[in-house]
Amino acid sequence: MRALLLLVAALPLAACGSTQALKPAAGKPMPVTPYGAAQQPAVADLLTPSVQARPQRTGEVLKSSQKREPDPFDLPPR
């Protein structure tokens, strides 16, 4: 019964996302052109994260492990 009540309570939250295209607020211009850019970036360019912001994972597995050196600052609590 609780699960059903929780589902009914969460249903309106699932439908609160907007499906319209993003546009600047009324009366507000697009951000200024970045220094050194040839032209103003489009909205899709501004919403796409750069490679530095979202790096790809590598499939390289750890091939050789090294023993950790003892840490002189790793002290037990008092």
PDB file of N, CA and C in Angstrom:
ATOM      1  N   MET A   1       0.819  -1.191   0.000  1.00  0.00           N
ATOM      2  CA  MET A   1       0.000   0.000   0.000  1.00  0.00           C
ATOM      3  C   MET A   1       0.868   1.262   0.000  1.00  0.00           C
ATOM      4  N   ARG A   2       1.967   1.213   0.804  1.00  0.00           N
ATOM      5  CA  ARG A   2       2.849   2.377   0.843  1.00  0.00           C
ATOM      6  C   ARG A   2       3.521   2.607  -0.501  1.00  0.00           C
ATOM      7  N   ALA A   3       3.897   1.528  -1.169  1.00  0.00           N
ATOM      8  CA  ALA A   3       4.555   1.655  -2.464  1.00  0.00           C
ATOM      9  C   ALA A   3       3.619   2.306  -3.476  1.00  0.00           C
ATOM     10  N   LEU A   4       2.366   1.943  -3.435  1.00  0.00           N
ATOM     11  CA  LEU A   4       1.387   2.542  -4.336  1.00  0.00           C
ATOM     12  C   LEU A   4       1.209   4.021  -4.030  1.00  0.00           C
ATOM     13  N   LEU A   5       1.165   4.368  -2.761  1.00  0.00           N
ATOM     14  CA  LEU A   5       1.020   5.765  -2.358  1.00  0.00           C
ATOM     15  C   LEU A   5       2.249   6.575  -2.789  1.00  0.00           C
ATOM     16  N   LEU A   6       3.422   5.991  -2.636  1.00  0.00           N
ATOM     17  CA  LEU A   6       4.643   6.660  -3.055  1.00  0.00           C
ATOM     18  C   LEU A   6       4.673   6.862  -4.564  1.00  0.00           C
ATOM     19  N   LEU A   7       4.216   5.862  -5.311  1.00  0.00           N
ATOM     20  CA  LEU A   7       4.160   5.965  -6.763  1.00  0.00           C
ATOM     21  C   LEU A   7       3.206   7.072  -7.192  1.00  0.00           C
ATOM     22  N   VAL A   8       2.065   7.146  -6.566  1.00  0.00           N
ATOM     23  CA  VAL A   8       1.078   8.176  -6.904  1.00  0.00           C
ATOM     24  C   VAL A   8       1.618   9.556  -6.547  1.00  0.00           C
ATOM     25  N   ALA A   9       2.361   9.664  -5.448  1.00  0.00           N
ATOM     26  CA  ALA A   9       2.919  10.956  -5.047  1.00  0.00           C
ATOM     27  C   ALA A   9       4.056  11.382  -5.974  1.00  0.00           C
ATOM     28  N   ALA A  10       4.819  10.443  -6.522  1.00  0.00           N
ATOM     29  CA  ALA A  10       5.961  10.763  -7.376  1.00  0.00           C
ATOM     30  C   ALA A  10       5.569  10.968  -8.835  1.00  0.00           C
ATOM     31  N   LEU A  11       4.405  10.552  -9.226  1.00  0.00           N
ATOM     32  CA  LEU A  11       3.979  10.658 -10.624  1.00  0.00           C
ATOM     33  C   LEU A  11       3.961  12.097 -11.134  1.00  0.00           C
ATOM     34  N   PRO A  12       3.442  13.072 -10.392  1.00  0.00           N
ATOM     35  CA  PRO A  12       3.480  14.451 -10.911  1.00  0.00           C
ATOM     36  C   PRO A  12       4.902  14.985 -11.079  1.00  0.00           C
ATOM     37  N   LEU A  13       5.832  14.526 -10.264  1.00  0.00           N
ATOM     38  CA  LEU A  13       7.212  14.993 -10.393  1.00  0.00           C
ATOM     39  C   LEU A  13       7.862  14.479 -11.666  1.00  0.00           C
ATOM     40  N   ALA A  14       7.444  13.329 -12.134  1.00  0.00           N
ATOM     41  CA  ALA A  14       8.029  12.758 -13.344  1.00  0.00           C
ATOM     42  C   ALA A  14       7.616  13.531 -14.584  1.00  0.00           C
ATOM     43  N   ALA A  15       6.539  14.260 -14.532  1.00  0.00           N
ATOM     44  CA  ALA A  15       6.029  14.959 -15.700  1.00  0.00           C
ATOM     45  C   ALA A  15       6.338  16.454 -15.677  1.00  0.00           C
ATOM     46  N   CYS A  16       7.257  16.898 -14.831  1.00  0.00           N
ATOM     47  CA  CYS A  16       7.485  18.339 -14.708  1.00  0.00           C
ATOM     48  C   CYS A  16       8.593  18.848 -15.622  1.00  0.00           C
ATOM     49  N   GLY A  17       9.203  18.011 -16.453  1.00  0.00           N
ATOM     50  CA  GLY A  17      10.272  18.461 -17.345  1.00  0.00           C
ATOM     51  C   GLY A  17       9.723  19.185 -18.561  1.00  0.00           C
ATOM     52  N   SER A  18      10.472  20.161 -19.041  1.00  0.00           N
ATOM     53  CA  SER A  18      10.067  20.921 -20.215  1.00  0.00           C
ATOM     54  C   SER A  18      10.626  20.262 -21.475  1.00  0.00           C
ATOM     55  N   THR A  19       9.842  20.224 -22.529  1.00  0.00           N
ATOM     56  CA  THR A  19      10.294  19.634 -23.782  1.00  0.00           C
ATOM     57  C   THR A  19      10.479  20.688 -24.870  1.00  0.00           C
ATOM     58  N   GLN A  20      10.346  21.952 -24.537  1.00  0.00           N
ATOM     59  CA  GLN A  20      10.524  23.017 -25.526  1.00  0.00           C
ATOM     60  C   GLN A  20      12.003  23.336 -25.692  1.00  0.00           C
ATOM     61  N   ALA A  21      12.344  23.911 -26.828  1.00  0.00           N
ATOM     62  CA  ALA A  21      13.725  24.309 -27.092  1.00  0.00           C
ATOM     63  C   ALA A  21      14.126  25.456 -26.166  1.00  0.00           C
ATOM     64  N   LEU A  22      15.388  25.476 -25.748  1.00  0.00           N
ATOM     65  CA  LEU A  22      15.866  26.538 -24.869  1.00  0.00           C
ATOM     66  C   LEU A  22      16.147  27.792 -25.670  1.00  0.00           C
ATOM     67  N   LYS A  23      15.744  28.926 -25.123  1.00  0.00           N
ATOM     68  CA  LYS A  23      15.965  30.225 -25.737  1.00  0.00           C
ATOM     69  C   LYS A  23      16.387  31.195 -24.644  1.00  0.00           C
ATOM     70  N   PRO A  24      17.073  32.282 -24.998  1.00  0.00           N
ATOM     71  CA  PRO A  24      17.383  33.280 -23.977  1.00  0.00           C
ATOM     72  C   PRO A  24      16.095  33.876 -23.416  1.00  0.00           C
ATOM     73  N   ALA A  25      16.151  34.336 -22.185  1.00  0.00           N
ATOM     74  CA  ALA A  25      14.987  34.955 -21.561  1.00  0.00           C
ATOM     75  C   ALA A  25      14.578  36.189 -22.361  1.00  0.00           C
ATOM     76  N   ALA A  26      13.317  36.539 -22.288  1.00  0.00           N
ATOM     77  CA  ALA A  26      12.797  37.693 -23.041  1.00  0.00           C
ATOM     78  C   ALA A  26      13.545  38.957 -22.619  1.00  0.00           C
ATOM     79  N   GLY A  27      14.049  39.688 -23.594  1.00  0.00           N
ATOM     80  CA  GLY A  27      14.757  40.929 -23.324  1.00  0.00           C
ATOM     81  C   GLY A  27      16.226  40.733 -22.967  1.00  0.00           C
ATOM     82  N   LYS A  28      16.684  39.493 -22.872  1.00  0.00           N
ATOM     83  CA  LYS A  28      18.084  39.219 -22.537  1.00  0.00           C
ATOM     84  C   LYS A  28      18.821  38.744 -23.789  1.00  0.00           C
ATOM     85  N   PRO A  29      20.018  39.268 -24.046  1.00  0.00           N
ATOM     86  CA  PRO A  29      20.773  38.828 -25.227  1.00  0.00           C
ATOM     87  C   PRO A  29      21.496  37.514 -24.955  1.00  0.00           C
ATOM     88  N   MET A  30      22.009  36.929 -26.006  1.00  0.00           N
ATOM     89  CA  MET A  30      22.860  35.745 -25.867  1.00  0.00           C
ATOM     90  C   MET A  30      24.160  36.180 -25.183  1.00  0.00           C
ATOM     91  N   PRO A  31      24.908  35.247 -24.600  1.00  0.00           N
ATOM     92  CA  PRO A  31      26.193  35.620 -23.997  1.00  0.00           C
ATOM     93  C   PRO A  31      27.126  36.234 -25.032  1.00  0.00           C
ATOM     94  N   VAL A  32      28.066  37.027 -24.566  1.00  0.00           N
ATOM     95  CA  VAL A  32      28.989  37.695 -25.485  1.00  0.00           C
ATOM     96  C   VAL A  32      29.850  36.663 -26.200  1.00  0.00           C
ATOM     97  N   THR A  33      30.334  37.045 -27.363  1.00  0.00           N
ATOM     98  CA  THR A  33      31.200  36.154 -28.148  1.00  0.00           C
ATOM     99  C   THR A  33      32.509  35.965 -27.398  1.00  0.00           C
ATOM    100  N   PRO A  34      32.962  34.719 -27.230  1.00  0.00           N
ATOM    101  CA  PRO A  34      34.222  34.487 -26.524  1.00  0.00           C
ATOM    102  C   PRO A  34      35.392  35.147 -27.239  1.00  0.00           C
ATOM    103  N   TYR A  35      36.381  35.549 -26.461  1.00  0.00           N
ATOM    104  CA  TYR A  35      37.564  36.203 -27.016  1.00  0.00           C
ATOM    105  C   TYR A  35      38.265  35.250 -27.971  1.00  0.00           C
ATOM    106  N   GLY A  36      38.522  35.700 -29.165  1.00  0.00           N
ATOM    107  CA  GLY A  36      39.232  34.901 -30.156  1.00  0.00           C
ATOM    108  C   GLY A  36      38.324  34.051 -31.032  1.00  0.00           C
ATOM    109  N   ALA A  37      37.014  34.013 -30.737  1.00  0.00           N
ATOM    110  CA  ALA A  37      36.095  33.219 -31.556  1.00  0.00           C
ATOM    111  C   ALA A  37      35.731  34.010 -32.807  1.00  0.00           C
ATOM    112  N   ALA A  38      35.560  33.302 -33.906  1.00  0.00           N
ATOM    113  CA  ALA A  38      35.231  33.959 -35.170  1.00  0.00           C
ATOM    114  C   ALA A  38      33.776  34.405 -35.206  1.00  0.00           C
ATOM    115  N   GLN A  39      32.897  33.663 -34.552  1.00  0.00           N
ATOM    116  CA  GLN A  39      31.469  34.008 -34.570  1.00  0.00           C
ATOM    117  C   GLN A  39      30.820  33.609 -33.254  1.00  0.00           C
ATOM    118  N   GLN A  40      29.625  34.098 -33.045  1.00  0.00           N
ATOM    119  CA  GLN A  40      28.861  33.783 -31.829  1.00  0.00           C
ATOM    120  C   GLN A  40      28.484  32.307 -31.835  1.00  0.00           C
ATOM    121  N   PRO A  41      28.762  31.553 -30.760  1.00  0.00           N
ATOM    122  CA  PRO A  41      28.382  30.136 -30.739  1.00  0.00           C
ATOM    123  C   PRO A  41      26.859  29.979 -30.668  1.00  0.00           C
ATOM    124  N   ALA A  42      26.371  28.914 -31.280  1.00  0.00           N
ATOM    125  CA  ALA A  42      24.935  28.640 -31.266  1.00  0.00           C
ATOM    126  C   ALA A  42      24.544  28.051 -29.912  1.00  0.00           C
ATOM    127  N   VAL A  43      23.245  27.963 -29.672  1.00  0.00           N
ATOM    128  CA  VAL A  43      22.739  27.435 -28.409  1.00  0.00           C
ATOM    129  C   VAL A  43      23.193  25.989 -28.211  1.00  0.00           C
ATOM    130  N   ALA A  44      23.156  25.191 -29.268  1.00  0.00           N
ATOM    131  CA  ALA A  44      23.577  23.789 -29.158  1.00  0.00           C
ATOM    132  C   ALA A  44      25.058  23.689 -28.794  1.00  0.00           C
ATOM    133  N   ASP A  45      25.881  24.596 -29.314  1.00  0.00           N
ATOM    134  CA  ASP A  45      27.306  24.592 -28.984  1.00  0.00           C
ATOM    135  C   ASP A  45      27.535  24.939 -27.518  1.00  0.00           C
ATOM    136  N   LEU A  46      26.720  25.843 -26.985  1.00  0.00           N
ATOM    137  CA  LEU A  46      26.876  26.233 -25.587  1.00  0.00           C
ATOM    138  C   LEU A  46      26.392  25.143 -24.636  1.00  0.00           C
ATOM    139  N   LEU A  47      25.451  24.320 -25.072  1.00  0.00           N
ATOM    140  CA  LEU A  47      24.917  23.269 -24.216  1.00  0.00           C
ATOM    141  C   LEU A  47      25.707  21.969 -24.276  1.00  0.00           C
ATOM    142  N   THR A  48      26.553  21.807 -25.288  1.00  0.00           N
ATOM    143  CA  THR A  48      27.350  20.592 -25.417  1.00  0.00           C
ATOM    144  C   THR A  48      28.603  20.727 -24.558  1.00  0.00           C
ATOM    145  N   PRO A  49      28.822  19.822 -23.587  1.00  0.00           N
ATOM    146  CA  PRO A  49      30.014  19.949 -22.741  1.00  0.00           C
ATOM    147  C   PRO A  49      31.282  19.635 -23.526  1.00  0.00           C
ATOM    148  N   SER A  50      32.362  20.302 -23.146  1.00  0.00           N
ATOM    149  CA  SER A  50      33.634  20.074 -23.827  1.00  0.00           C
ATOM    150  C   SER A  50      34.228  18.747 -23.374  1.00  0.00           C
ATOM    151  N   VAL A  51      35.285  18.334 -24.047  1.00  0.00           N
ATOM    152  CA  VAL A  51      35.955  17.086 -23.696  1.00  0.00           C
ATOM    153  C   VAL A  51      36.571  17.202 -22.306  1.00  0.00           C
ATOM    154  N   GLN A  52      37.055  18.383 -21.950  1.00  0.00           N
ATOM    155  CA  GLN A  52      37.635  18.577 -20.627  1.00  0.00           C
ATOM    156  C   GLN A  52      36.566  18.523 -19.542  1.00  0.00           C
ATOM    157  N   ALA A  53      35.357  18.990 -19.853  1.00  0.00           N
ATOM    158  CA  ALA A  53      34.293  18.971 -18.860  1.00  0.00           C
ATOM    159  C   ALA A  53      33.740  17.572 -18.661  1.00  0.00           C
ATOM    160  N   ARG A  54      33.771  16.748 -19.669  1.00  0.00           N
ATOM    161  CA  ARG A  54      33.249  15.383 -19.584  1.00  0.00           C
ATOM    162  C   ARG A  54      34.203  14.445 -20.311  1.00  0.00           C
ATOM    163  N   PRO A  55      35.295  14.037 -19.651  1.00  0.00           N
ATOM    164  CA  PRO A  55      36.272  13.179 -20.317  1.00  0.00           C
ATOM    165  C   PRO A  55      35.733  11.778 -20.544  1.00  0.00           C
ATOM    166  N   GLN A  56      36.288  11.124 -21.550  1.00  0.00           N
ATOM    167  CA  GLN A  56      35.899   9.747 -21.861  1.00  0.00           C
ATOM    168  C   GLN A  56      36.664   8.791 -20.958  1.00  0.00           C
ATOM    169  N   ARG A  57      36.072   7.652 -20.676  1.00  0.00           N
ATOM    170  CA  ARG A  57      36.753   6.633 -19.887  1.00  0.00           C
ATOM    171  C   ARG A  57      37.729   5.878 -20.776  1.00  0.00           C
ATOM    172  N   THR A  58      38.776   5.411 -20.190  1.00  0.00           N
ATOM    173  CA  THR A  58      39.722   4.590 -20.928  1.00  0.00           C
ATOM    174  C   THR A  58      39.511   3.140 -20.556  1.00  0.00           C
ATOM    175  N   GLY A  59      39.769   2.260 -21.481  1.00  0.00           N
ATOM    176  CA  GLY A  59      39.587   0.841 -21.235  1.00  0.00           C
ATOM    177  C   GLY A  59      40.851   0.174 -20.729  1.00  0.00           C
ATOM    178  N   GLU A  60      41.876   0.978 -20.467  1.00  0.00           N
ATOM    179  CA  GLU A  60      43.140   0.392 -20.044  1.00  0.00           C
ATOM    180  C   GLU A  60      43.024  -0.146 -18.620  1.00  0.00           C
ATOM    181  N   VAL A  61      43.409  -1.386 -18.468  1.00  0.00           N
ATOM    182  CA  VAL A  61      43.367  -2.026 -17.172  1.00  0.00           C
ATOM    183  C   VAL A  61      44.708  -1.826 -16.488  1.00  0.00           C
ATOM    184  N   LEU A  62      44.682  -1.743 -15.188  1.00  0.00           N
ATOM    185  CA  LEU A  62      45.923  -1.616 -14.439  1.00  0.00           C
ATOM    186  C   LEU A  62      46.782  -2.845 -14.690  1.00  0.00           C
ATOM    187  N   LYS A  63      47.950  -2.637 -15.245  1.00  0.00           N
ATOM    188  CA  LYS A  63      48.782  -3.769 -15.651  1.00  0.00           C
ATOM    189  C   LYS A  63      49.755  -4.194 -14.563  1.00  0.00           C
ATOM    190  N   SER A  64      50.261  -3.263 -13.816  1.00  0.00           N
ATOM    191  CA  SER A  64      51.182  -3.628 -12.735  1.00  0.00           C
ATOM    192  C   SER A  64      50.888  -2.733 -11.543  1.00  0.00           C
ATOM    193  N   SER A  65      50.777  -3.359 -10.408  1.00  0.00           N
ATOM    194  CA  SER A  65      50.498  -2.570  -9.215  1.00  0.00           C
ATOM    195  C   SER A  65      51.796  -2.337  -8.453  1.00  0.00           C
ATOM    196  N   GLN A  66      51.818  -1.265  -7.707  1.00  0.00           N
ATOM    197  CA  GLN A  66      52.981  -0.941  -6.911  1.00  0.00           C
ATOM    198  C   GLN A  66      52.573  -0.916  -5.452  1.00  0.00           C
ATOM    199  N   LYS A  67      53.469  -1.342  -4.602  1.00  0.00           N
ATOM    200  CA  LYS A  67      53.191  -1.309  -3.185  1.00  0.00           C
ATOM    201  C   LYS A  67      53.229   0.132  -2.711  1.00  0.00           C
ATOM    202  N   ARG A  68      52.316   0.475  -1.824  1.00  0.00           N
ATOM    203  CA  ARG A  68      52.297   1.819  -1.271  1.00  0.00           C
ATOM    204  C   ARG A  68      53.387   1.984  -0.232  1.00  0.00           C
ATOM    205  N   GLU A  69      53.980   3.148  -0.247  1.00  0.00           N
ATOM    206  CA  GLU A  69      54.959   3.480   0.776  1.00  0.00           C
ATOM    207  C   GLU A  69      54.200   3.784   2.070  1.00  0.00           C
ATOM    208  N   PRO A  70      54.776   3.500   3.213  1.00  0.00           N
ATOM    209  CA  PRO A  70      54.092   3.837   4.466  1.00  0.00           C
ATOM    210  C   PRO A  70      53.946   5.356   4.596  1.00  0.00           C
ATOM    211  N   ASP A  71      52.787   5.784   5.033  1.00  0.00           N
ATOM    212  CA  ASP A  71      52.493   7.201   5.175  1.00  0.00           C
ATOM    213  C   ASP A  71      52.730   7.607   6.624  1.00  0.00           C
ATOM    214  N   PRO A  72      53.688   8.492   6.887  1.00  0.00           N
ATOM    215  CA  PRO A  72      53.950   8.881   8.282  1.00  0.00           C
ATOM    216  C   PRO A  72      52.828   9.706   8.890  1.00  0.00           C
ATOM    217  N   PHE A  73      51.949  10.272   8.069  1.00  0.00           N
ATOM    218  CA  PHE A  73      50.864  11.093   8.580  1.00  0.00           C
ATOM    219  C   PHE A  73      49.567  10.317   8.752  1.00  0.00           C
ATOM    220  N   ASP A  74      49.541   9.036   8.408  1.00  0.00           N
ATOM    221  CA  ASP A  74      48.353   8.205   8.561  1.00  0.00           C
ATOM    222  C   ASP A  74      48.326   7.661   9.989  1.00  0.00           C
ATOM    223  N   LEU A  75      47.873   8.502  10.911  1.00  0.00           N
ATOM    224  CA  LEU A  75      47.876   8.157  12.327  1.00  0.00           C
ATOM    225  C   LEU A  75      46.490   7.738  12.771  1.00  0.00           C
ATOM    226  N   PRO A  76      46.400   6.861  13.770  1.00  0.00           N
ATOM    227  CA  PRO A  76      45.083   6.483  14.281  1.00  0.00           C
ATOM    228  C   PRO A  76      44.468   7.648  15.065  1.00  0.00           C
ATOM    229  N   PRO A  77      43.155   7.681  15.193  1.00  0.00           N
ATOM    230  CA  PRO A  77      42.531   8.758  15.960  1.00  0.00           C
ATOM    231  C   PRO A  77      42.887   8.651  17.436  1.00  0.00           C
ATOM    232  N   ARG A  78      42.849   9.773  18.120  1.00  0.00           N
ATOM    233  CA  ARG A  78      43.179   9.789  19.549  1.00  0.00           C
ATOM    234  C   ARG A  78      42.011   9.359  20.389  1.00  0.00           C
TER     235      ARG A  78
END
